[in-house]
PDB file of N, CA and C in Angstrom:
ATOM      1  N   MET A   1       0.022 -15.852 -18.093  1.00  0.00           N
ATOM      2  CA  MET A   1      -1.200 -16.148 -17.361  1.00  0.00           C
ATOM      3  C   MET A   1      -1.328 -15.254 -16.119  1.00  0.00           C
ATOM      4  N   VAL A   2      -0.279 -15.201 -15.299  1.00  0.00           N
ATOM      5  CA  VAL A   2      -0.301 -14.344 -14.104  1.00  0.00           C
ATOM      6  C   VAL A   2      -0.478 -12.888 -14.529  1.00  0.00           C
ATOM      7  N   PHE A   3       0.301 -12.467 -15.530  1.00  0.00           N
ATOM      8  CA  PHE A   3       0.213 -11.074 -15.993  1.00  0.00           C
ATOM      9  C   PHE A   3      -1.193 -10.745 -16.481  1.00  0.00           C
ATOM     10  N   GLU A   4      -1.795 -11.658 -17.244  1.00  0.00           N
ATOM     11  CA  GLU A   4      -3.134 -11.400 -17.795  1.00  0.00           C
ATOM     12  C   GLU A   4      -4.165 -11.203 -16.680  1.00  0.00           C
ATOM     13  N   LYS A   5      -4.071 -12.015 -15.643  1.00  0.00           N
ATOM     14  CA  LYS A   5      -5.032 -11.904 -14.531  1.00  0.00           C
ATOM     15  C   LYS A   5      -4.804 -10.601 -13.760  1.00  0.00           C
ATOM     16  N   ILE A   6      -3.548 -10.267 -13.524  1.00  0.00           N
ATOM     17  CA  ILE A   6      -3.234  -9.014 -12.827  1.00  0.00           C
ATOM     18  C   ILE A   6      -3.694  -7.827 -13.669  1.00  0.00           C
ATOM     19  N   LYS A   7      -3.491  -7.927 -14.961  1.00  0.00           N
ATOM     20  CA  LYS A   7      -3.936  -6.868 -15.877  1.00  0.00           C
ATOM     21  C   LYS A   7      -5.445  -6.660 -15.754  1.00  0.00           C
ATOM     22  N   GLU A   8      -6.203  -7.757 -15.715  1.00  0.00           N
ATOM     23  CA  GLU A   8      -7.662  -7.669 -15.562  1.00  0.00           C
ATOM     24  C   GLU A   8      -8.020  -6.931 -14.271  1.00  0.00           C
ATOM     25  N   ILE A   9      -7.351  -7.296 -13.179  1.00  0.00           N
ATOM     26  CA  ILE A   9      -7.630  -6.676 -11.881  1.00  0.00           C
ATOM     27  C   ILE A   9      -7.337  -5.174 -11.941  1.00  0.00           C
ATOM     28  N   LEU A  10      -6.190  -4.813 -12.527  1.00  0.00           N
ATOM     29  CA  LEU A  10      -5.807  -3.395 -12.593  1.00  0.00           C
ATOM     30  C   LEU A  10      -6.752  -2.594 -13.480  1.00  0.00           C
ATOM     31  N   VAL A  11      -7.119  -3.143 -14.623  1.00  0.00           N
ATOM     32  CA  VAL A  11      -8.045  -2.448 -15.529  1.00  0.00           C
ATOM     33  C   VAL A  11      -9.381  -2.226 -14.829  1.00  0.00           C
ATOM     34  N   ASP A  12      -9.847  -3.259 -14.139  1.00  0.00           N
ATOM     35  CA  ASP A  12     -11.138  -3.185 -13.453  1.00  0.00           C
ATOM     36  C   ASP A  12     -11.105  -2.182 -12.297  1.00  0.00           C
ATOM     37  N   GLN A  13     -10.084  -2.266 -11.459  1.00  0.00           N
ATOM     38  CA  GLN A  13     -10.058  -1.440 -10.246  1.00  0.00           C
ATOM     39  C   GLN A  13      -9.610  -0.011 -10.494  1.00  0.00           C
ATOM     40  N   LEU A  14      -8.748   0.192 -11.474  1.00  0.00           N
ATOM     41  CA  LEU A  14      -8.237   1.549 -11.707  1.00  0.00           C
ATOM     42  C   LEU A  14      -8.912   2.240 -12.887  1.00  0.00           C
ATOM     43  N   ASP A  15      -9.771   1.497 -13.580  1.00  0.00           N
ATOM     44  CA  ASP A  15     -10.476   2.050 -14.736  1.00  0.00           C
ATOM     45  C   ASP A  15      -9.498   2.661 -15.744  1.00  0.00           C
ATOM     46  N   VAL A  16      -8.474   1.881 -16.092  1.00  0.00           N
ATOM     47  CA  VAL A  16      -7.498   2.317 -17.089  1.00  0.00           C
ATOM     48  C   VAL A  16      -7.621   1.444 -18.325  1.00  0.00           C
ATOM     49  N   GLU A  17      -7.085   1.930 -19.432  1.00  0.00           N
ATOM     50  CA  GLU A  17      -7.127   1.165 -20.671  1.00  0.00           C
ATOM     51  C   GLU A  17      -6.124   0.015 -20.593  1.00  0.00           C
ATOM     52  N   GLU A  18      -6.509  -1.129 -21.179  1.00  0.00           N
ATOM     53  CA  GLU A  18      -5.650  -2.315 -21.155  1.00  0.00           C
ATOM     54  C   GLU A  18      -4.249  -2.024 -21.684  1.00  0.00           C
ATOM     55  N   GLU A  19      -4.159  -1.176 -22.711  1.00  0.00           N
ATOM     56  CA  GLU A  19      -2.867  -0.892 -23.341  1.00  0.00           C
ATOM     57  C   GLU A  19      -1.890  -0.227 -22.368  1.00  0.00           C
ATOM     58  N   LYS A  20      -2.423   0.451 -21.354  1.00  0.00           N
ATOM     59  CA  LYS A  20      -1.559   1.139 -20.386  1.00  0.00           C
ATOM     60  C   LYS A  20      -0.918   0.169 -19.400  1.00  0.00           C
ATOM     61  N   VAL A  21      -1.513  -1.001 -19.233  1.00  0.00           N
ATOM     62  CA  VAL A  21      -1.019  -1.971 -18.262  1.00  0.00           C
ATOM     63  C   VAL A  21       0.034  -2.854 -18.932  1.00  0.00           C
ATOM     64  N   THR A  22       1.294  -2.503 -18.673  1.00  0.00           N
ATOM     65  CA  THR A  22       2.420  -3.277 -19.193  1.00  0.00           C
ATOM     66  C   THR A  22       3.288  -3.697 -18.014  1.00  0.00           C
ATOM     67  N   MET A  23       4.216  -4.605 -18.264  1.00  0.00           N
ATOM     68  CA  MET A  23       5.107  -5.056 -17.201  1.00  0.00           C
ATOM     69  C   MET A  23       5.925  -3.886 -16.641  1.00  0.00           C
ATOM     70  N   GLU A  24       6.209  -2.884 -17.480  1.00  0.00           N
ATOM     71  CA  GLU A  24       7.051  -1.752 -17.082  1.00  0.00           C
ATOM     72  C   GLU A  24       6.253  -0.590 -16.493  1.00  0.00           C
ATOM     73  N   ALA A  25       4.931  -0.678 -16.503  1.00  0.00           N
ATOM     74  CA  ALA A  25       4.093   0.432 -16.033  1.00  0.00           C
ATOM     75  C   ALA A  25       4.206   0.605 -14.518  1.00  0.00           C
ATOM     76  N   SER A  26       4.386   1.849 -14.097  1.00  0.00           N
ATOM     77  CA  SER A  26       4.383   2.181 -12.674  1.00  0.00           C
ATOM     78  C   SER A  26       2.934   2.202 -12.198  1.00  0.00           C
ATOM     79  N   ILE A  27       2.674   1.519 -11.106  1.00  0.00           N
ATOM     80  CA  ILE A  27       1.303   1.417 -10.604  1.00  0.00           C
ATOM     81  C   ILE A  27       0.766   2.787 -10.195  1.00  0.00           C
ATOM     82  N   THR A  28       1.612   3.605  -9.601  1.00  0.00           N
ATOM     83  CA  THR A  28       1.144   4.920  -9.154  1.00  0.00           C
ATOM     84  C   THR A  28       1.284   5.981 -10.245  1.00  0.00           C
ATOM     85  N   GLU A  29       2.441   6.055 -10.888  1.00  0.00           N
ATOM     86  CA  GLU A  29       2.671   7.127 -11.855  1.00  0.00           C
ATOM     87  C   GLU A  29       1.960   6.899 -13.188  1.00  0.00           C
ATOM     88  N   ASP A  30       2.088   5.696 -13.753  1.00  0.00           N
ATOM     89  CA  ASP A  30       1.491   5.436 -15.070  1.00  0.00           C
ATOM     90  C   ASP A  30       0.008   5.092 -14.990  1.00  0.00           C
ATOM     91  N   LEU A  31      -0.376   4.382 -13.924  1.00  0.00           N
ATOM     92  CA  LEU A  31      -1.763   3.920 -13.831  1.00  0.00           C
ATOM     93  C   LEU A  31      -2.605   4.760 -12.878  1.00  0.00           C
ATOM     94  N   GLY A  32      -1.976   5.695 -12.152  1.00  0.00           N
ATOM     95  CA  GLY A  32      -2.711   6.647 -11.330  1.00  0.00           C
ATOM     96  C   GLY A  32      -3.264   6.114 -10.015  1.00  0.00           C
ATOM     97  N   ALA A  33      -2.702   5.027  -9.521  1.00  0.00           N
ATOM     98  CA  ALA A  33      -3.196   4.471  -8.249  1.00  0.00           C
ATOM     99  C   ALA A  33      -2.675   5.294  -7.072  1.00  0.00           C
ATOM    100  N   ASP A  34      -3.546   5.494  -6.078  1.00  0.00           N
ATOM    101  CA  ASP A  34      -3.084   6.107  -4.835  1.00  0.00           C
ATOM    102  C   ASP A  34      -2.918   4.986  -3.802  1.00  0.00           C
ATOM    103  N   SER A  35      -2.550   5.330  -2.586  1.00  0.00           N
ATOM    104  CA  SER A  35      -2.259   4.293  -1.586  1.00  0.00           C
ATOM    105  C   SER A  35      -3.481   3.430  -1.272  1.00  0.00           C
ATOM    106  N   LEU A  36      -4.656   4.019  -1.295  1.00  0.00           N
ATOM    107  CA  LEU A  36      -5.881   3.241  -1.056  1.00  0.00           C
ATOM    108  C   LEU A  36      -6.119   2.262  -2.198  1.00  0.00           C
ATOM    109  N   ASP A  37      -5.905   2.723  -3.434  1.00  0.00           N
ATOM    110  CA  ASP A  37      -6.027   1.836  -4.601  1.00  0.00           C
ATOM    111  C   ASP A  37      -5.069   0.660  -4.485  1.00  0.00           C
ATOM    112  N   VAL A  38      -3.837   0.952  -4.088  1.00  0.00           N
ATOM    113  CA  VAL A  38      -2.826  -0.100  -3.967  1.00  0.00           C
ATOM    114  C   VAL A  38      -3.264  -1.139  -2.933  1.00  0.00           C
ATOM    115  N   ALA A  39      -3.807  -0.692  -1.820  1.00  0.00           N
ATOM    116  CA  ALA A  39      -4.292  -1.620  -0.790  1.00  0.00           C
ATOM    117  C   ALA A  39      -5.408  -2.511  -1.338  1.00  0.00           C
ATOM    118  N   ASP A  40      -6.333  -1.920  -2.087  1.00  0.00           N
ATOM    119  CA  ASP A  40      -7.427  -2.695  -2.692  1.00  0.00           C
ATOM    120  C   ASP A  40      -6.895  -3.697  -3.710  1.00  0.00           C
ATOM    121  N   ILE A  41      -5.940  -3.261  -4.507  1.00  0.00           N
ATOM    122  CA  ILE A  41      -5.343  -4.135  -5.525  1.00  0.00           C
ATOM    123  C   ILE A  41      -4.655  -5.324  -4.856  1.00  0.00           C
ATOM    124  N   VAL A  42      -3.899  -5.042  -3.809  1.00  0.00           N
ATOM    125  CA  VAL A  42      -3.188  -6.117  -3.098  1.00  0.00           C
ATOM    126  C   VAL A  42      -4.186  -7.121  -2.532  1.00  0.00           C
ATOM    127  N   MET A  43      -5.286  -6.637  -1.962  1.00  0.00           N
ATOM    128  CA  MET A  43      -6.293  -7.563  -1.421  1.00  0.00           C
ATOM    129  C   MET A  43      -6.885  -8.431  -2.533  1.00  0.00           C
ATOM    130  N   SER A  44      -7.163  -7.847  -3.669  1.00  0.00           N
ATOM    131  CA  SER A  44      -7.710  -8.611  -4.796  1.00  0.00           C
ATOM    132  C   SER A  44      -6.716  -9.659  -5.286  1.00  0.00           C
ATOM    133  N   ILE A  45      -5.456  -9.266  -5.358  1.00  0.00           N
ATOM    134  CA  ILE A  45      -4.418 -10.183  -5.828  1.00  0.00           C
ATOM    135  C   ILE A  45      -4.221 -11.321  -4.826  1.00  0.00           C
ATOM    136  N   GLU A  46      -4.259 -10.985  -3.537  1.00  0.00           N
ATOM    137  CA  GLU A  46      -4.116 -12.026  -2.508  1.00  0.00           C
ATOM    138  C   GLU A  46      -5.246 -13.050  -2.618  1.00  0.00           C
ATOM    139  N   GLU A  47      -6.458 -12.559  -2.852  1.00  0.00           N
ATOM    140  CA  GLU A  47      -7.616 -13.438  -3.018  1.00  0.00           C
ATOM    141  C   GLU A  47      -7.491 -14.288  -4.269  1.00  0.00           C
ATOM    142  N   GLU A  48      -7.162 -13.635  -5.376  1.00  0.00           N
ATOM    143  CA  GLU A  48      -7.100 -14.314  -6.676  1.00  0.00           C
ATOM    144  C   GLU A  48      -6.044 -15.408  -6.708  1.00  0.00           C
ATOM    145  N   PHE A  49      -4.884 -15.137  -6.137  1.00  0.00           N
ATOM    146  CA  PHE A  49      -3.758 -16.065  -6.252  1.00  0.00           C
ATOM    147  C   PHE A  49      -3.492 -16.843  -4.963  1.00  0.00           C
ATOM    148  N   ASP A  50      -4.336 -16.661  -3.941  1.00  0.00           N
ATOM    149  CA  ASP A  50      -4.182 -17.347  -2.662  1.00  0.00           C
ATOM    150  C   ASP A  50      -2.760 -17.189  -2.125  1.00  0.00           C
ATOM    151  N   VAL A  51      -2.331 -15.937  -2.059  1.00  0.00           N
ATOM    152  CA  VAL A  51      -0.989 -15.618  -1.577  1.00  0.00           C
ATOM    153  C   VAL A  51      -1.101 -14.403  -0.660  1.00  0.00           C
ATOM    154  N   GLU A  52      -0.217 -14.311   0.315  1.00  0.00           N
ATOM    155  CA  GLU A  52      -0.227 -13.146   1.199  1.00  0.00           C
ATOM    156  C   GLU A  52       0.955 -12.250   0.858  1.00  0.00           C
ATOM    157  N   VAL A  53       0.685 -10.966   0.721  1.00  0.00           N
ATOM    158  CA  VAL A  53       1.750  -9.992   0.463  1.00  0.00           C
ATOM    159  C   VAL A  53       1.987  -9.242   1.767  1.00  0.00           C
ATOM    160  N   PRO A  54       3.104  -9.536   2.452  1.00  0.00           N
ATOM    161  CA  PRO A  54       3.382  -8.838   3.720  1.00  0.00           C
ATOM    162  C   PRO A  54       3.581  -7.336   3.490  1.00  0.00           C
ATOM    163  N   ASP A  55       3.215  -6.542   4.491  1.00  0.00           N
ATOM    164  CA  ASP A  55       3.328  -5.088   4.378  1.00  0.00           C
ATOM    165  C   ASP A  55       4.744  -4.639   4.013  1.00  0.00           C
ATOM    166  N   ASP A  56       5.752  -5.338   4.545  1.00  0.00           N
ATOM    167  CA  ASP A  56       7.119  -4.914   4.247  1.00  0.00           C
ATOM    168  C   ASP A  56       7.511  -5.173   2.794  1.00  0.00           C
ATOM    169  N   GLN A  57       6.748  -5.998   2.093  1.00  0.00           N
ATOM    170  CA  GLN A  57       7.009  -6.259   0.670  1.00  0.00           C
ATOM    171  C   GLN A  57       6.367  -5.201  -0.233  1.00  0.00           C
ATOM    172  N   LEU A  58       5.366  -4.511   0.289  1.00  0.00           N
ATOM    173  CA  LEU A  58       4.643  -3.527  -0.526  1.00  0.00           C
ATOM    174  C   LEU A  58       5.558  -2.429  -1.047  1.00  0.00           C
ATOM    175  N   GLN A  59       6.539  -2.033  -0.262  1.00  0.00           N
ATOM    176  CA  GLN A  59       7.439  -0.965  -0.692  1.00  0.00           C
ATOM    177  C   GLN A  59       8.289  -1.388  -1.889  1.00  0.00           C
ATOM    178  N   ASN A  60       8.432  -2.702  -2.120  1.00  0.00           N
ATOM    179  CA  ASN A  60       9.213  -3.200  -3.248  1.00  0.00           C
ATOM    180  C   ASN A  60       8.387  -3.313  -4.521  1.00  0.00           C
ATOM    181  N   ILE A  61       7.080  -3.126  -4.388  1.00  0.00           N
ATOM    182  CA  ILE A  61       6.191  -3.272  -5.543  1.00  0.00           C
ATOM    183  C   ILE A  61       5.856  -1.903  -6.103  1.00  0.00           C
ATOM    184  N   LYS A  62       6.535  -1.562  -7.168  1.00  0.00           N
ATOM    185  CA  LYS A  62       6.329  -0.259  -7.812  1.00  0.00           C
ATOM    186  C   LYS A  62       5.750  -0.425  -9.225  1.00  0.00           C
ATOM    187  N   LEU A  63       6.200  -1.467  -9.914  1.00  0.00           N
ATOM    188  CA  LEU A  63       5.792  -1.704 -11.299  1.00  0.00           C
ATOM    189  C   LEU A  63       4.857  -2.906 -11.369  1.00  0.00           C
ATOM    190  N   VAL A  64       4.095  -2.981 -12.435  1.00  0.00           N
ATOM    191  CA  VAL A  64       3.232  -4.143 -12.654  1.00  0.00           C
ATOM    192  C   VAL A  64       4.086  -5.409 -12.667  1.00  0.00           C
ATOM    193  N   GLY A  65       5.257  -5.336 -13.273  1.00  0.00           N
ATOM    194  CA  GLY A  65       6.162  -6.487 -13.326  1.00  0.00           C
ATOM    195  C   GLY A  65       6.589  -6.966 -11.949  1.00  0.00           C
ATOM    196  N   ASP A  66       6.677  -6.044 -10.980  1.00  0.00           N
ATOM    197  CA  ASP A  66       7.033  -6.425  -9.612  1.00  0.00           C
ATOM    198  C   ASP A  66       5.950  -7.327  -9.005  1.00  0.00           C
ATOM    199  N   ILE A  67       4.691  -7.017  -9.300  1.00  0.00           N
ATOM    200  CA  ILE A  67       3.583  -7.840  -8.800  1.00  0.00           C
ATOM    201  C   ILE A  67       3.662  -9.231  -9.427  1.00  0.00           C
ATOM    202  N   VAL A  68       3.843  -9.264 -10.744  1.00  0.00           N
ATOM    203  CA  VAL A  68       3.909 -10.538 -11.462  1.00  0.00           C
ATOM    204  C   VAL A  68       5.036 -11.398 -10.891  1.00  0.00           C
ATOM    205  N   LYS A  69       6.204 -10.797 -10.712  1.00  0.00           N
ATOM    206  CA  LYS A  69       7.364 -11.526 -10.187  1.00  0.00           C
ATOM    207  C   LYS A  69       7.068 -12.059  -8.790  1.00  0.00           C
ATOM    208  N   TYR A  70       6.480 -11.237  -7.942  1.00  0.00           N
ATOM    209  CA  TYR A  70       6.176 -11.659  -6.575  1.00  0.00           C
ATOM    210  C   TYR A  70       5.214 -12.848  -6.583  1.00  0.00           C
ATOM    211  N   ILE A  71       4.167 -12.761  -7.388  1.00  0.00           N
ATOM    212  CA  ILE A  71       3.178 -13.850  -7.451  1.00  0.00           C
ATOM    213  C   ILE A  71       3.833 -15.117  -7.970  1.00  0.00           C
ATOM    214  N   GLU A  72       4.614 -15.005  -9.037  1.00  0.00           N
ATOM    215  CA  GLU A  72       5.248 -16.191  -9.616  1.00  0.00           C
ATOM    216  C   GLU A  72       6.186 -16.862  -8.622  1.00  0.00           C
ATOM    217  N   GLU A  73       6.830 -16.085  -7.773  1.00  0.00           N
ATOM    218  CA  GLU A  73       7.782 -16.639  -6.806  1.00  0.00           C
ATOM    219  C   GLU A  73       7.112 -17.149  -5.532  1.00  0.00           C
ATOM    220  N   ASN A  74       5.912 -16.633  -5.206  1.00  0.00           N
ATOM    221  CA  ASN A  74       5.312 -16.936  -3.907  1.00  0.00           C
ATOM    222  C   ASN A  74       3.966 -17.648  -3.938  1.00  0.00           C
ATOM    223  N   ALA A  75       3.309 -17.687  -5.076  1.00  0.00           N
ATOM    224  CA  ALA A  75       2.005 -18.358  -5.140  1.00  0.00           C
ATOM    225  C   ALA A  75       2.205 -19.870  -5.144  1.00  0.00           C
ATOM    226  N   GLU A  76       1.217 -20.546  -4.618  1.00  0.00           N
ATOM    227  CA  GLU A  76       1.337 -22.002  -4.516  1.00  0.00           C
ATOM    228  C   GLU A  76       0.885 -22.676  -5.790  1.00  0.00           C
TER     229      GLU A  76
END
Protein backbone atom coordinates (compact mmCIF):
# COMPACT_ATOMS: atom_id res chain seq x y z
CA MET A 1 0.00 0.00 0.00
CA VAL A 2 2.73 2.50 0.97
CA PHE A 3 4.83 1.46 -2.03
CA GLU A 4 1.88 1.83 -4.42
CA LYS A 5 1.15 5.37 -3.24
CA ILE A 6 4.81 6.39 -3.41
CA LYS A 7 5.01 4.85 -6.87
CA GLU A 8 2.05 7.00 -7.98
CA ILE A 9 3.75 10.14 -6.65
CA LEU A 10 7.05 9.31 -8.38
CA VAL A 11 5.42 8.44 -11.71
CA ASP A 12 3.41 11.66 -11.60
CA GLN A 13 6.20 14.01 -10.52
CA LEU A 14 9.10 12.51 -12.47
CA ASP A 15 7.13 11.47 -15.55
CA VAL A 16 8.67 7.99 -15.54
CA GLU A 17 7.16 4.67 -16.52
CA GLU A 18 5.60 2.65 -13.68
CA GLU A 19 7.85 -0.32 -14.47
CA LYS A 20 10.93 1.77 -13.62
CA VAL A 21 9.71 2.44 -10.08
CA THR A 22 10.85 -0.53 -8.01
CA MET A 23 11.95 -0.86 -4.40
CA GLU A 24 15.57 -1.09 -5.64
CA ALA A 25 15.39 1.90 -8.01
CA SER A 26 17.71 4.81 -7.24
CA ILE A 27 15.68 8.01 -7.10
CA THR A 28 18.39 10.06 -8.79
CA GLU A 29 20.21 7.56 -11.01
CA ASP A 30 17.39 5.28 -12.18
CA LEU A 31 14.49 7.74 -12.06
CA GLY A 32 16.43 10.89 -13.03
CA ALA A 33 15.43 13.11 -10.12
CA ASP A 34 17.56 16.14 -9.33
CA SER A 35 17.73 17.85 -5.92
CA LEU A 36 14.72 20.05 -6.69
CA ASP A 37 12.69 16.99 -7.73
CA VAL A 38 13.66 15.26 -4.49
CA ALA A 39 12.48 18.26 -2.45
CA ASP A 40 9.13 18.25 -4.28
CA ILE A 41 8.76 14.50 -3.82
CA VAL A 42 9.48 14.77 -0.09
CA MET A 43 6.85 17.51 0.28
CA SER A 44 4.27 15.38 -1.52
CA ILE A 45 5.10 12.35 0.60
CA GLU A 46 4.92 14.40 3.81
CA GLU A 47 1.47 15.63 2.78
CA GLU A 48 0.22 12.23 1.65
CA PHE A 49 1.35 10.29 4.71
CA ASP A 50 1.14 13.09 7.33
CA VAL A 51 4.77 12.56 8.30
CA GLU A 52 7.74 14.91 8.49
CA VAL A 53 11.05 13.95 6.90
CA PRO A 54 13.82 15.89 8.68
CA ASP A 55 16.56 17.30 6.45
CA ASP A 56 19.18 15.12 8.12
CA GLN A 57 17.21 12.02 7.04
CA LEU A 58 17.20 13.02 3.37
CA GLN A 59 20.80 11.91 2.90
CA ASN A 60 19.74 8.37 3.91
CA ILE A 61 17.06 8.22 1.24
CA LYS A 62 18.63 7.03 -1.98
CA LEU A 63 16.32 4.23 -3.15
CA VAL A 64 12.56 4.02 -3.47
CA GLY A 65 12.71 1.31 -0.80
CA ASP A 66 14.33 3.79 1.59
CA ILE A 67 11.27 6.04 1.31
CA VAL A 68 8.89 3.12 1.87
CA LYS A 69 10.86 1.97 4.93
CA TYR A 70 10.95 5.48 6.40
CA ILE A 71 7.19 5.96 5.95
CA GLU A 72 6.37 2.54 7.39
CA GLU A 73 8.51 3.25 10.46
CA ASN A 74 7.43 6.88 11.02
CA ALA A 75 3.91 7.42 9.70
CA GLU A 76 1.10 7.46 12.20
